[in-house]
Every structure is written in C-alpha cells, then in structure tokens.
C-alpha atoms as a PDB file:
ATOM      1  CA  MET A   1      33.353  22.210  44.194  1.00  0.00           C
ATOM      2  CA  ARG A   2      36.656  22.188  43.278  1.00  0.00           C
ATOM      3  CA  VAL A   3      36.964  22.890  39.600  1.00  0.00           C
ATOM      4  CA  LEU A   4      40.164  24.348  37.910  1.00  0.00           C
ATOM      5  CA  HIS A   5      39.279  25.773  34.727  1.00  0.00           C
ATOM      6  CA  THR A   6      42.451  26.691  32.035  1.00  0.00           C
ATOM      7  CA  ASP A   7      42.069  28.963  28.730  1.00  0.00           C
ATOM      8  CA  ALA A   8      38.746  30.102  30.029  1.00  0.00           C
ATOM      9  CA  VAL A   9      37.524  31.877  26.538  1.00  0.00           C
ATOM     10  CA  THR A  10      34.202  31.136  25.054  1.00  0.00           C
ATOM     11  CA  GLY A  11      32.221  29.059  22.001  1.00  0.00           C
ATOM     12  CA  ALA A  12      34.203  28.579  18.516  1.00  0.00           C
ATOM     13  CA  GLU A  13      37.640  29.972  20.590  1.00  0.00           C
ATOM     14  CA  HIS A  14      38.536  26.954  22.068  1.00  0.00           C
ATOM     15  CA  SER A  15      39.158  25.525  18.623  1.00  0.00           C
ATOM     16  CA  ARG A  16      41.809  28.381  17.318  1.00  0.00           C
ATOM     17  CA  PRO A  17      45.088  27.603  18.951  1.00  0.00           C
ATOM     18  CA  ALA A  18      47.395  29.992  19.010  1.00  0.00           C
ATOM     19  CA  VAL A  19      50.398  27.775  18.147  1.00  0.00           C
ATOM     20  CA  ALA A  20      49.450  24.721  16.350  1.00  0.00           C
ATOM     21  CA  GLY A  21      50.420  21.597  18.264  1.00  0.00           C
ATOM     22  CA  SER A  22      50.583  23.167  21.364  1.00  0.00           C
ATOM     23  CA  GLY A  23      47.616  21.627  23.041  1.00  0.00           C
ATOM     24  CA  PRO A  24      48.624  18.870  25.877  1.00  0.00           C
ATOM     25  CA  ARG A  25      49.421  15.491  24.760  1.00  0.00           C
ATOM     26  CA  SER A  26      46.944  12.720  25.026  1.00  0.00           C
ATOM     27  CA  ALA A  27      45.820   9.096  24.241  1.00  0.00           C
ATOM     28  CA  VAL A  28      42.793   7.217  23.349  1.00  0.00           C
ATOM     29  CA  VAL A  29      42.582   4.053  25.519  1.00  0.00           C
ATOM     30  CA  VAL A  30      39.445   2.005  23.132  1.00  0.00           C
ATOM     31  CA  ASN A  31      37.684  -1.337  23.691  1.00  0.00           C
ATOM     32  CA  PRO A  32      36.902  -2.306  20.393  1.00  0.00           C
ATOM     33  CA  VAL A  33      34.523  -4.544  21.033  1.00  0.00           C
ATOM     34  CA  LYS A  34      32.107  -1.520  21.919  1.00  0.00           C
ATOM     35  CA  VAL A  35      32.645   0.518  19.213  1.00  0.00           C
ATOM     36  CA  ASP A  36      31.191   0.191  15.632  1.00  0.00           C
ATOM     37  CA  ASP A  37      33.715   1.412  13.224  1.00  0.00           C
ATOM     38  CA  LEU A  38      36.618   2.014  15.036  1.00  0.00           C
ATOM     39  CA  ASP A  39      38.614   3.701  12.094  1.00  0.00           C
ATOM     40  CA  GLU A  40      35.737   6.225  11.526  1.00  0.00           C
ATOM     41  CA  LEU A  41      36.360   7.252  15.277  1.00  0.00           C
ATOM     42  CA  ARG A  42      40.031   7.168  14.894  1.00  0.00           C
ATOM     43  CA  GLN A  43      39.927   9.807  12.018  1.00  0.00           C
ATOM     44  CA  THR A  44      37.483  11.800  13.631  1.00  0.00           C
ATOM     45  CA  VAL A  45      39.187  12.201  17.376  1.00  0.00           C
ATOM     46  CA  ASP A  46      42.694  12.606  15.167  1.00  0.00           C
ATOM     47  CA  ALA A  47      41.306  15.371  13.112  1.00  0.00           C
ATOM     48  CA  ALA A  48      39.359  17.010  15.946  1.00  0.00           C
ATOM     49  CA  LEU A  49      42.175  17.014  18.105  1.00  0.00           C
ATOM     50  CA  THR A  50      44.432  18.478  15.292  1.00  0.00           C
ATOM     51  CA  THR A  51      42.319  21.244  14.467  1.00  0.00           C
ATOM     52  CA  ALA A  52      42.427  22.326  17.796  1.00  0.00           C
ATOM     53  CA  GLY A  53      45.429  22.293  18.027  1.00  0.00           C
ATOM     54  CA  TRP A  54      46.610  19.221  19.868  1.00  0.00           C
ATOM     55  CA  PRO A  55      49.598  16.920  18.458  1.00  0.00           C
ATOM     56  CA  ALA A  56      47.798  13.453  17.428  1.00  0.00           C
ATOM     57  CA  PRO A  57      47.005  10.891  20.319  1.00  0.00           C
ATOM     58  CA  ARG A  58      48.610   7.462  21.270  1.00  0.00           C
ATOM     59  CA  TRP A  59      45.605   5.016  20.641  1.00  0.00           C
ATOM     60  CA  PHE A  60      45.477   1.550  22.992  1.00  0.00           C
ATOM     61  CA  GLU A  61      43.469  -1.223  22.765  1.00  0.00           C
ATOM     62  CA  THR A  62      41.811  -3.256  25.573  1.00  0.00           C
ATOM     63  CA  THR A  63      41.940  -6.867  25.807  1.00  0.00           C
ATOM     64  CA  PRO A  64      40.257  -9.347  27.686  1.00  0.00           C
ATOM     65  CA  GLU A  65      43.220  -9.784  29.542  1.00  0.00           C
ATOM     66  CA  ASP A  66      43.231  -5.705  30.321  1.00  0.00           C
ATOM     67  CA  PRO A  67      40.412  -3.901  29.914  1.00  0.00           C
ATOM     68  CA  GLY A  68      42.622  -0.499  29.972  1.00  0.00           C
ATOM     69  CA  ARG A  69      44.635  -0.078  33.458  1.00  0.00           C
ATOM     70  CA  GLY A  70      47.811  -1.305  32.034  1.00  0.00           C
ATOM     71  CA  GLN A  71      47.455   0.780  29.033  1.00  0.00           C
ATOM     72  CA  THR A  72      46.341   3.750  31.023  1.00  0.00           C
ATOM     73  CA  GLU A  73      49.229   3.333  32.881  1.00  0.00           C
ATOM     74  CA  GLN A  74      51.165   3.180  29.609  1.00  0.00           C
ATOM     75  CA  ALA A  75      50.399   6.206  28.460  1.00  0.00           C
ATOM     76  CA  VAL A  76      50.863   8.149  31.620  1.00  0.00           C
ATOM     77  CA  ARG A  77      54.662   7.012  31.662  1.00  0.00           C
ATOM     78  CA  ASP A  78      54.559   8.140  28.081  1.00  0.00           C
ATOM     79  CA  GLY A  79      53.976  11.553  28.494  1.00  0.00           C
ATOM     80  CA  ALA A  80      50.017  11.989  28.338  1.00  0.00           C
ATOM     81  CA  GLU A  81      48.265  14.424  30.366  1.00  0.00           C
ATOM     82  CA  VAL A  82      44.812  13.664  29.197  1.00  0.00           C
ATOM     83  CA  VAL A  83      43.556  10.078  28.363  1.00  0.00           C
ATOM     84  CA  PHE A  84      40.489   9.250  26.366  1.00  0.00           C
ATOM     85  CA  ALA A  85      38.373   6.232  27.913  1.00  0.00           C
ATOM     86  CA  CYS A  86      36.678   4.791  24.824  1.00  0.00           C
ATOM     87  CA  GLY A  87      33.767   2.006  25.757  1.00  0.00           C
ATOM     88  CA  GLY A  88      32.105   0.981  28.650  1.00  0.00           C
ATOM     89  CA  ASP A  89      31.633   1.688  32.411  1.00  0.00           C
ATOM     90  CA  GLY A  90      34.356  -1.363  32.971  1.00  0.00           C
ATOM     91  CA  THR A  91      36.616   0.482  30.439  1.00  0.00           C
ATOM     92  CA  VAL A  92      36.223   3.982  32.145  1.00  0.00           C
ATOM     93  CA  MET A  93      36.576   2.004  35.581  1.00  0.00           C
ATOM     94  CA  ALA A  94      39.745   0.647  34.463  1.00  0.00           C
ATOM     95  CA  CYS A  95      41.137   3.800  32.954  1.00  0.00           C
ATOM     96  CA  VAL A  96      40.272   6.070  36.439  1.00  0.00           C
ATOM     97  CA  SER A  97      42.485   2.904  38.435  1.00  0.00           C
ATOM     98  CA  GLY A  98      45.286   4.047  36.015  1.00  0.00           C
ATOM     99  CA  LEU A  99      44.485   7.743  36.451  1.00  0.00           C
ATOM    100  CA  VAL A 100      44.452   7.565  40.284  1.00  0.00           C
ATOM    101  CA  GLY A 101      47.084   9.666  41.743  1.00  0.00           C
ATOM    102  CA  THR A 102      48.520  11.359  38.730  1.00  0.00           C
ATOM    103  CA  ASP A 103      48.408  14.738  37.156  1.00  0.00           C
ATOM    104  CA  ALA A 104      46.713  13.457  33.923  1.00  0.00           C
ATOM    105  CA  ALA A 105      43.013  13.935  33.625  1.00  0.00           C
ATOM    106  CA  LEU A 106      40.383  11.278  32.421  1.00  0.00           C
ATOM    107  CA  ALA A 107      38.064  12.446  29.146  1.00  0.00           C
ATOM    108  CA  VAL A 108      35.138  10.129  28.764  1.00  0.00           C
ATOM    109  CA  LEU A 109      34.212   9.176  25.079  1.00  0.00           C
ATOM    110  CA  PRO A 110      31.374   6.878  25.987  1.00  0.00           C
ATOM    111  CA  GLN A 111      30.320   4.060  23.717  1.00  0.00           C
ATOM    112  CA  GLY A 112      28.291   1.183  26.179  1.00  0.00           C
ATOM    113  CA  THR A 113      25.487   0.925  27.879  1.00  0.00           C
ATOM    114  CA  GLY A 114      25.632   1.999  31.470  1.00  0.00           C
ATOM    115  CA  ASN A 115      27.634   5.044  31.423  1.00  0.00           C
ATOM    116  CA  LEU A 116      27.068   5.231  34.828  1.00  0.00           C
ATOM    117  CA  LEU A 117      30.043   8.067  35.262  1.00  0.00           C
ATOM    118  CA  ALA A 118      29.019   9.978  32.472  1.00  0.00           C
ATOM    119  CA  ALA A 119      25.216  10.179  34.074  1.00  0.00           C
ATOM    120  CA  ASN A 120      26.320  11.615  37.158  1.00  0.00           C
ATOM    121  CA  LEU A 121      28.464  14.098  36.323  1.00  0.00           C
ATOM    122  CA  GLY A 122      26.360  15.436  33.159  1.00  0.00           C
ATOM    123  CA  LEU A 123      28.867  14.163  30.945  1.00  0.00           C
ATOM    124  CA  SER A 124      27.206  14.058  27.209  1.00  0.00           C
ATOM    125  CA  VAL A 125      27.334  10.405  25.500  1.00  0.00           C
ATOM    126  CA  ASP A 126      27.655  12.134  21.885  1.00  0.00           C
ATOM    127  CA  VAL A 127      31.503  11.920  20.738  1.00  0.00           C
ATOM    128  CA  ALA A 128      31.673  15.657  19.675  1.00  0.00           C
ATOM    129  CA  ALA A 129      30.413  16.931  22.765  1.00  0.00           C
ATOM    130  CA  ALA A 130      33.328  14.833  24.660  1.00  0.00           C
ATOM    131  CA  LEU A 131      35.707  16.158  22.559  1.00  0.00           C
ATOM    132  CA  GLN A 132      34.652  19.589  23.030  1.00  0.00           C
ATOM    133  CA  VAL A 133      34.916  19.373  26.940  1.00  0.00           C
ATOM    134  CA  ALA A 134      38.488  17.861  26.671  1.00  0.00           C
ATOM    135  CA  VAL A 135      39.398  20.806  24.250  1.00  0.00           C
ATOM    136  CA  GLU A 136      37.970  23.379  26.763  1.00  0.00           C
ATOM    137  CA  ARG A 137      40.026  22.107  29.206  1.00  0.00           C
ATOM    138  CA  GLY A 138      37.479  22.419  32.053  1.00  0.00           C
ATOM    139  CA  ARG A 139      39.002  20.473  34.906  1.00  0.00           C
ATOM    140  CA  ARG A 140      37.267  18.611  38.183  1.00  0.00           C
ATOM    141  CA  GLN A 141      39.056  17.026  40.942  1.00  0.00           C
ATOM    142  CA  LEU A 142      37.116  13.981  41.961  1.00  0.00           C
ATOM    143  CA  ASP A 143      37.396  11.553  45.022  1.00  0.00           C
ATOM    144  CA  VAL A 144      37.727   7.766  44.182  1.00  0.00           C
ATOM    145  CA  GLY A 145      37.064   4.930  46.134  1.00  0.00           C
ATOM    146  CA  ALA A 146      39.722   1.779  46.544  1.00  0.00           C
ATOM    147  CA  VAL A 147      38.689  -1.945  46.754  1.00  0.00           C
ATOM    148  CA  GLU A 148      41.360  -3.981  47.159  1.00  0.00           C
ATOM    149  CA  ASP A 149      43.620  -2.992  43.922  1.00  0.00           C
ATOM    150  CA  HIS A 150      41.144  -2.028  42.002  1.00  0.00           C
ATOM    151  CA  TYR A 151      39.197   2.052  42.126  1.00  0.00           C
ATOM    152  CA  PHE A 152      35.643   3.050  41.616  1.00  0.00           C
ATOM    153  CA  ALA A 153      34.226   6.607  40.918  1.00  0.00           C
ATOM    154  CA  VAL A 154      30.605   6.031  41.033  1.00  0.00           C
ATOM    155  CA  MET A 155      29.880   3.100  43.321  1.00  0.00           C
ATOM    156  CA  ALA A 156      30.608  -0.293  44.811  1.00  0.00           C
ATOM    157  CA  GLY A 157      28.035  -2.926  45.226  1.00  0.00           C
ATOM    158  CA  MET A 158      27.246  -6.111  47.231  1.00  0.00           C
ATOM    159  CA  GLY A 159      24.396  -7.995  46.899  1.00  0.00           C
ATOM    160  CA  PHE A 160      21.070  -7.429  44.842  1.00  0.00           C
ATOM    161  CA  ASP A 161      22.526  -4.768  42.633  1.00  0.00           C
ATOM    162  CA  ALA A 162      25.588  -7.047  41.283  1.00  0.00           C
ATOM    163  CA  GLN A 163      22.909  -9.897  40.831  1.00  0.00           C
ATOM    164  CA  MET A 164      21.220  -7.620  38.651  1.00  0.00           C
ATOM    165  CA  LEU A 165      24.226  -7.053  36.335  1.00  0.00           C
ATOM    166  CA  ALA A 166      25.561 -10.706  36.319  1.00  0.00           C
ATOM    167  CA  ASP A 167      21.827 -11.639  34.677  1.00  0.00           C
ATOM    168  CA  THR A 168      21.367  -8.935  32.431  1.00  0.00           C
ATOM    169  CA  SER A 169      22.910 -10.341  29.114  1.00  0.00           C
ATOM    170  CA  GLU A 170      25.172  -8.035  26.340  1.00  0.00           C
ATOM    171  CA  THR A 171      22.730  -9.009  23.730  1.00  0.00           C
ATOM    172  CA  THR A 172      20.014  -7.103  25.260  1.00  0.00           C
ATOM    173  CA  LYS A 173      21.772  -3.971  26.615  1.00  0.00           C
ATOM    174  CA  ALA A 174      23.133  -3.735  23.135  1.00  0.00           C
ATOM    175  CA  ARG A 175      19.446  -4.131  22.042  1.00  0.00           C
ATOM    176  CA  ILE A 176      17.117  -1.710  24.677  1.00  0.00           C
ATOM    177  CA  GLY A 177      19.771   0.127  26.443  1.00  0.00           C
ATOM    178  CA  TRP A 178      19.512   0.562  30.172  1.00  0.00           C
ATOM    179  CA  PRO A 179      15.919  -0.775  30.304  1.00  0.00           C
ATOM    180  CA  ALA A 180      17.861  -3.862  30.142  1.00  0.00           C
ATOM    181  CA  TYR A 181      18.607  -4.236  33.591  1.00  0.00           C
ATOM    182  CA  VAL A 182      15.357  -3.876  34.723  1.00  0.00           C
ATOM    183  CA  MET A 183      14.918  -7.161  33.251  1.00  0.00           C
ATOM    184  CA  GLY A 184      17.527  -8.164  35.325  1.00  0.00           C
ATOM    185  CA  ALA A 185      16.332  -7.031  38.397  1.00  0.00           C
ATOM    186  CA  ALA A 186      13.060  -8.391  38.081  1.00  0.00           C
ATOM    187  CA  ARG A 187      14.599 -12.188  38.254  1.00  0.00           C
ATOM    188  CA  HIS A 188      15.673 -11.326  41.882  1.00  0.00           C
ATOM    189  CA  LEU A 189      13.291  -9.761  43.533  1.00  0.00           C
ATOM    190  CA  ARG A 190      12.387 -12.898  45.811  1.00  0.00           C
ATOM    191  CA  ASP A 191      15.570 -13.945  46.723  1.00  0.00           C
ATOM    192  CA  ARG A 192      16.304 -14.086  50.825  1.00  0.00           C
ATOM    193  CA  PRO A 193      18.394 -11.310  52.125  1.00  0.00           C
ATOM    194  CA  MET A 194      22.065 -11.647  53.362  1.00  0.00           C
ATOM    195  CA  ARG A 195      22.745 -11.455  56.595  1.00  0.00           C
ATOM    196  CA  VAL A 196      25.553  -8.293  56.896  1.00  0.00           C
ATOM    197  CA  THR A 197      27.825  -6.755  59.414  1.00  0.00           C
ATOM    198  CA  VAL A 198      28.554  -3.024  58.199  1.00  0.00           C
ATOM    199  CA  ARG A 199      31.334  -1.085  59.345  1.00  0.00           C
ATOM    200  CA  ILE A 200      31.966   2.448  59.282  1.00  0.00           C
ATOM    201  CA  ASP A 201      35.137   4.009  60.316  1.00  0.00           C
ATOM    202  CA  ASP A 202      35.622   3.839  64.018  1.00  0.00           C
ATOM    203  CA  ARG A 203      31.645   3.740  64.939  1.00  0.00           C
ATOM    204  CA  PRO A 204      30.083   0.702  66.305  1.00  0.00           C
ATOM    205  CA  PRO A 205      29.277  -2.307  63.898  1.00  0.00           C
ATOM    206  CA  MET A 206      25.537  -2.445  62.249  1.00  0.00           C
ATOM    207  CA  ARG A 207      24.209  -5.994  61.818  1.00  0.00           C
ATOM    208  CA  ARG A 208      21.311  -6.057  58.892  1.00  0.00           C
ATOM    209  CA  ARG A 209      19.391  -8.204  57.017  1.00  0.00           C
ATOM    210  CA  ALA A 210      19.805  -6.982  53.647  1.00  0.00           C
ATOM    211  CA  ARG A 211      19.280  -7.337  49.953  1.00  0.00           C
ATOM    212  CA  SER A 212      21.996  -5.174  48.844  1.00  0.00           C
ATOM    213  CA  VAL A 213      24.477  -2.350  50.229  1.00  0.00           C
ATOM    214  CA  LEU A 214      25.850   0.212  48.128  1.00  0.00           C
ATOM    215  CA  ILE A 215      28.935   2.034  48.901  1.00  0.00           C
ATOM    216  CA  ALA A 216      28.565   5.330  46.215  1.00  0.00           C
ATOM    217  CA  ASN A 217      31.078   8.290  45.466  1.00  0.00           C
ATOM    218  CA  VAL A 218      28.092   9.604  43.798  1.00  0.00           C
ATOM    219  CA  GLY A 219      24.165   9.040  43.880  1.00  0.00           C
ATOM    220  CA  ARG A 220      22.628   7.820  40.280  1.00  0.00           C
ATOM    221  CA  LEU A 221      22.322   4.067  39.402  1.00  0.00           C
ATOM    222  CA  GLN A 222      21.428   3.225  36.087  1.00  0.00           C
ATOM    223  CA  GLY A 223      19.196   4.558  33.652  1.00  0.00           C
ATOM    224  CA  GLY A 224      19.847   8.010  36.118  1.00  0.00           C
ATOM    225  CA  VAL A 225      17.498   6.926  38.715  1.00  0.00           C
ATOM    226  CA  ARG A 226      18.875   9.384  41.952  1.00  0.00           C
ATOM    227  CA  LEU A 227      19.149   6.995  44.959  1.00  0.00           C
ATOM    228  CA  LEU A 228      21.330   9.400  46.947  1.00  0.00           C
ATOM    229  CA  ALA A 229      20.473  12.369  46.917  1.00  0.00           C
ATOM    230  CA  GLU A 230      23.147  13.775  48.985  1.00  0.00           C
ATOM    231  CA  ALA A 231      26.128  12.311  47.703  1.00  0.00           C
ATOM    232  CA  GLU A 232      29.098  14.316  46.249  1.00  0.00           C
ATOM    233  CA  PRO A 233      31.845  13.351  44.491  1.00  0.00           C
ATOM    234  CA  ASP A 234      34.400  15.563  46.115  1.00  0.00           C
ATOM    235  CA  ASP A 235      33.362  15.547  49.752  1.00  0.00           C
ATOM    236  CA  GLY A 236      35.951  12.825  50.869  1.00  0.00           C
ATOM    237  CA  CYS A 237      33.448  10.798  51.756  1.00  0.00           C
ATOM    238  CA  LEU A 238      31.871   7.880  50.841  1.00  0.00           C
ATOM    239  CA  ASP A 239      27.726   7.215  51.183  1.00  0.00           C
ATOM    240  CA  VAL A 240      26.702   4.078  52.309  1.00  0.00           C
ATOM    241  CA  ALA A 241      23.160   2.824  51.304  1.00  0.00           C
ATOM    242  CA  VAL A 242      21.540  -0.272  52.765  1.00  0.00           C
ATOM    243  CA  LEU A 243      18.548  -1.819  51.199  1.00  0.00           C
ATOM    244  CA  THR A 244      16.358  -4.023  53.424  1.00  0.00           C
ATOM    245  CA  PRO A 245      13.173  -4.613  51.576  1.00  0.00           C
ATOM    246  CA  ARG A 246      11.466  -8.081  52.436  1.00  0.00           C
ATOM    247  CA  ASN A 247       9.131  -8.503  49.998  1.00  0.00           C
ATOM    248  CA  LEU A 248       7.608  -7.637  46.683  1.00  0.00           C
ATOM    249  CA  ARG A 249       5.553  -4.835  47.935  1.00  0.00           C
ATOM    250  CA  HIS A 250       8.920  -3.290  49.958  1.00  0.00           C
ATOM    251  CA  TRP A 251      10.334  -3.027  46.284  1.00  0.00           C
ATOM    252  CA  VAL A 252       7.408  -1.508  45.196  1.00  0.00           C
ATOM    253  CA  ALA A 253       7.451   1.107  48.005  1.00  0.00           C
ATOM    254  CA  LEU A 254      11.064   2.026  47.884  1.00  0.00           C
ATOM    255  CA  GLY A 255      11.229   2.286  43.824  1.00  0.00           C
ATOM    256  CA  TRP A 256       8.234   4.820  44.044  1.00  0.00           C
ATOM    257  CA  ALA A 257       9.551   6.848  46.684  1.00  0.00           C
ATOM    258  CA  VAL A 258      12.969   7.044  44.805  1.00  0.00           C
ATOM    259  CA  LEU A 259      11.337   7.917  41.236  1.00  0.00           C
ATOM    260  CA  ARG A 260       9.256  10.414  43.004  1.00  0.00           C
ATOM    261  CA  ARG A 261      12.563  11.695  44.851  1.00  0.00           C
ATOM    262  CA  ARG A 262      10.773  11.797  47.995  1.00  0.00           C
ATOM    263  CA  ASP A 263      12.983  13.079  51.019  1.00  0.00           C
ATOM    264  CA  ARG A 264      12.436   9.460  53.057  1.00  0.00           C
ATOM    265  CA  ILE A 265      12.621   6.239  51.470  1.00  0.00           C
ATOM    266  CA  PRO A 266      11.395   3.103  52.909  1.00  0.00           C
ATOM    267  CA  ARG A 267      13.604   0.174  53.429  1.00  0.00           C
ATOM    268  CA  LEU A 268      16.780   2.500  52.875  1.00  0.00           C
ATOM    269  CA  GLU A 269      19.346   3.314  55.570  1.00  0.00           C
ATOM    270  CA  VAL A 270      21.990   6.167  54.007  1.00  0.00           C
ATOM    271  CA  HIS A 271      25.146   6.334  55.959  1.00  0.00           C
ATOM    272  CA  ARG A 272      28.212   8.105  55.030  1.00  0.00           C
ATOM    273  CA  GLY A 273      32.192   7.613  56.251  1.00  0.00           C
ATOM    274  CA  ARG A 274      35.429   7.370  54.731  1.00  0.00           C
ATOM    275  CA  ARG A 275      36.260   3.238  55.744  1.00  0.00           C
ATOM    276  CA  ILE A 276      33.484   1.020  54.788  1.00  0.00           C
ATOM    277  CA  GLU A 277      33.585  -2.831  55.494  1.00  0.00           C
ATOM    278  CA  VAL A 278      30.348  -5.006  54.789  1.00  0.00           C
ATOM    279  CA  THR A 279      30.752  -8.456  55.937  1.00  0.00           C
ATOM    280  CA  SER A 280      28.548 -11.104  55.073  1.00  0.00           C
ATOM    281  CA  ASN A 281      27.053 -14.199  56.349  1.00  0.00           C
ATOM    282  CA  ARG A 282      27.455 -16.046  52.933  1.00  0.00           C
ATOM    283  CA  GLU A 283      29.413 -15.363  49.688  1.00  0.00           C
ATOM    284  CA  GLN A 284      27.870 -12.597  47.146  1.00  0.00           C
ATOM    285  CA  PRO A 285      28.581 -11.234  43.779  1.00  0.00           C
ATOM    286  CA  ARG A 286      30.146  -8.108  43.997  1.00  0.00           C
ATOM    287  CA  GLU A 287      30.626  -4.702  41.532  1.00  0.00           C
ATOM    288  CA  LEU A 288      32.297  -1.989  41.105  1.00  0.00           C
ATOM    289  CA  ASP A 289      30.964   0.997  38.566  1.00  0.00           C
ATOM    290  CA  GLY A 290      28.568  -0.954  37.123  1.00  0.00           C
ATOM    291  CA  ASP A 291      31.492  -4.313  35.927  1.00  0.00           C
ATOM    292  CA  LEU A 292      31.381  -7.622  38.261  1.00  0.00           C
ATOM    293  CA  ILE A 293      34.346  -8.531  40.680  1.00  0.00           C
ATOM    294  CA  THR A 294      35.243 -11.633  42.210  1.00  0.00           C
ATOM    295  CA  PRO A 295      32.559 -12.693  44.264  1.00  0.00           C
ATOM    296  CA  GLY A 296      33.521 -12.733  47.919  1.00  0.00           C
ATOM    297  CA  ARG A 297      32.182 -12.454  51.606  1.00  0.00           C
ATOM    298  CA  THR A 298      33.678  -9.139  52.426  1.00  0.00           C
ATOM    299  CA  LEU A 299      33.703  -5.330  50.627  1.00  0.00           C
ATOM    300  CA  LEU A 300      36.170  -3.451  51.906  1.00  0.00           C
ATOM    301  CA  ALA A 301      35.762   0.172  50.520  1.00  0.00           C
ATOM    302  CA  GLU A 302      38.240   3.266  51.358  1.00  0.00           C
ATOM    303  CA  VAL A 303      37.807   7.067  49.987  1.00  0.00           C
ATOM    304  CA  ARG A 304      40.843   8.603  48.028  1.00  0.00           C
ATOM    305  CA  PRO A 305      40.162  12.062  48.459  1.00  0.00           C
ATOM    306  CA  GLY A 306      40.732  14.363  44.814  1.00  0.00           C
ATOM    307  CA  ALA A 307      42.727  11.412  43.803  1.00  0.00           C
ATOM    308  CA  LEU A 308      41.327  11.749  39.905  1.00  0.00           C
ATOM    309  CA  TRP A 309      41.339  14.594  37.656  1.00  0.00           C
ATOM    310  CA  LEU A 310      38.284  14.678  35.577  1.00  0.00           C
ATOM    311  CA  CYS A 311      37.531  16.611  31.969  1.00  0.00           C
ATOM    312  CA  VAL A 312      33.729  18.439  32.654  1.00  0.00           C
ATOM    313  CA  PRO A 313      32.052  20.963  30.782  1.00  0.00           C
ATOM    314  CA  GLN A 314      31.977  24.388  31.196  1.00  0.00           C
ATOM    315  CA  PRO A 315      31.031  26.522  33.328  1.00  0.00           C
ATOM    316  CA  GLU A 316      31.979  25.575  36.342  1.00  0.00           C
ATOM    317  CA  GLU A 317      28.667  26.418  38.281  1.00  0.00           C
ATOM    318  CA  ALA A 318      26.057  24.042  37.916  1.00  0.00           C
ATOM    319  CA  PRO A 319      24.660  21.278  40.102  1.00  0.00           C
ATOM    320  CA  ASP A 320      25.964  18.014  37.871  1.00  0.00           C
ATOM    321  CA  LEU A 321      27.601  20.228  35.263  1.00  0.00           C
ATOM    322  CA  THR A 322      24.504  19.591  33.097  1.00  0.00           C
ATOM    323  CA  VAL A 323      23.897  23.553  31.813  1.00  0.00           C
ATOM    324  CA  ASP A 324      26.260  23.127  29.158  1.00  0.00           C
ATOM    325  CA  ALA A 325      26.121  20.246  28.084  1.00  0.00           C
ATOM    326  CA  GLU A 326      24.063  21.413  24.682  1.00  0.00           C
ATOM    327  CA  GLY A 327      26.420  23.954  24.099  1.00  0.00           C
ATOM    328  CA  ALA A 328      29.671  21.818  24.512  1.00  0.00           C
ATOM    329  CA  SER A 329      27.617  19.580  21.756  1.00  0.00           C
ATOM    330  CA  GLU A 330      26.892  22.197  19.427  1.00  0.00           C
ATOM    331  CA  ARG A 331      30.562  23.856  19.746  1.00  0.00           C
ATOM    332  CA  GLY A 332      31.865  20.057  18.976  1.00  0.00           C
ATOM    333  CA  GLU A 333      30.298  19.327  16.297  1.00  0.00           C
ATOM    334  CA  GLU A 334      31.353  22.662  14.489  1.00  0.00           C
ATOM    335  CA  LEU A 335      34.852  21.365  15.837  1.00  0.00           C
ATOM    336  CA  ILE A 336      34.484  18.206  13.536  1.00  0.00           C
ATOM    337  CA  GLU A 337      32.909  19.689  10.669  1.00  0.00           C
ATOM    338  CA  GLU A 338      35.862  22.210  10.837  1.00  0.00           C
ATOM    339  CA  ALA A 339      38.400  19.021  10.886  1.00  0.00           C
ATOM    340  CA  ARG A 340      36.618  17.702   8.044  1.00  0.00           C
ATOM    341  CA  ARG A 341      37.060  20.505   5.398  1.00  0.00           C
ATOM    342  CA  GLU A 342      40.705  20.641   6.484  1.00  0.00           C
END
C-alpha cells in the first residue's frame, strides 16, 4: 500500500495550524442537486478549513452539461492542491477524471446514495470526518481505470449491473438508500444472457454466456457487498468478474455465497490484467463507478497505475483504512465546533 503521510501528529493537534492560512489551497466541486442546504454546507466547510489554517476554498457548482470534470480541471489550473468532491458517485467520478495524472489530491464529501469509493476505502460519509481526513493530510496513491475518455476509481460494468442502475429511480434511492438497487436488480434476474468475448492483455480470448462483466479496481458493490476479495486499488492491475447465472436458482446461490464471503462463488469467474476488452453480441448498457455511460457493444478498460492521489484517514496501517474512521469523525466535530465558536 503506497501511502504518503505528512504532518503526522495526533488528535486535535491537526486543527492547530502553525501559521494562519499556511495550509494547502483547495476547491470544492459540488453538485447542488445532492445538497439539502448548500449555504449551510459552504459555511461549515469554509469555517472548518479556516480554523485548520487553510485558505478559504474556491467553490464550483456542477451542471447537467458538466458534472464536475471541467470544474476540477479549472480548480487545478487555479492552483488547488486538494479538490473536495461533494455529491454522488457521478460527481466523484467526474472529479477523478479531472485529477488523473496531477499532484492534486481528491477529498470525498459524499452526498449521494451509492458512495462507492467511500464504501470501498473506508471513507466516512460524515462531513465532519471527511473534513478532518483532508486536514490531517493522509494521502494514498491509487490506480484508476480508463474507458474511452473517462476514468473510474471503483469499477466499470456491462450488462446486468448497468441495467440495475438504469432501473433504479432517483426518488427511491433518496427515500430508502442503497436497498433501492435491489429493487432495480429484481427486474432483470430472468433476462437472457449476452454472448461476450473477453480479451485480457495478450492472452487468448475467452467466450462466455454472461449476465454481467465487471472490470474492478476495488471489490465492493452497492451496499458494501464484497464481490472481489482480492481486488486492491494500488496493485497496478484491474480485476475482472464474469457473472454467468442462467436462472433464479443460480442467482440465489451466487448471492448467498457472496454474502457469506465464501472463497468459492458459483457462477463467478475472476481474472486479472492491465488491459481488458469485452465485446458483446448486441448493444448493452454500460456504467462507470455507478454512473451510466452511453450503451455499446464493447467495453475497453486499461489501468493507469498510481494516477490519483486520495485523502485517506490516519493511521496508514489498516485494511480498507477504517480503523480511524470513528476517531476522525470525533476530531472533525471538534474542529467544526471550534470554528463555530470563532
């Protein structure tokens, strides 16, 4: 695990800057549709970062035409060293695309339903904890996957998973959260499989009748379900999951094995590589990091090793970086309270 930590002190010391305004420059890319009270959020973030000794961040709102990539690229050109992605999975993915290959770090302020990157890397969905994580300056260098002119940090998919996303309404997600995806999935359990050819690096092509092909940088799905136990976001490879259930009984067996964290999962093949090309016999829905992209017959993904810096919790020693999540939340609440008093 490649981790760079700076200013390695503990507890509330992180919120006591040596020189006011000496912290890194930052920006917030926010999807206003995902935030209940944008003015309150802005006041909280600005005050907390000022108390921590950071200059006031610049704020950029996403639009239907540009969900965050252009705003992120502009923030980096303006000198931002940390970019807060404030929205759902689509906003985070757009910010990732704008940060790939730069020295600026991504800090996640989740406001959506899926929060796939946060779920996979132990990042809290709590605003106070997310701010504290950024202030403490823990950093982890991650791989990303490239699909056409887009990038993903979690996974790309073709077939069933994208169909599930397409049939999950925003209203239901807002009302009940991630279980809404189960309802979307139920509509497609009996759909016919697709005939796919999967090419991994220079190996011979594999031909399968599959319901879904996932190309993953990390292993968790919506709701925190762990599908790929050995997927790591900094190993220089992408994991490929080929799901081949043909009836409801197969789906039940597969789902039960995943939930029970069995070593062997029926109707699931797992492979690994740096360049993966999936070709279907007919056009299929496709998704990146929980966000739908244009349907197509081909999904070509290539890994970009170490292309993204991410703000992560302290300490550096922990699977999924979850050990200090509660502590970061407590310290973040203290930071916000101190900012309010000032």
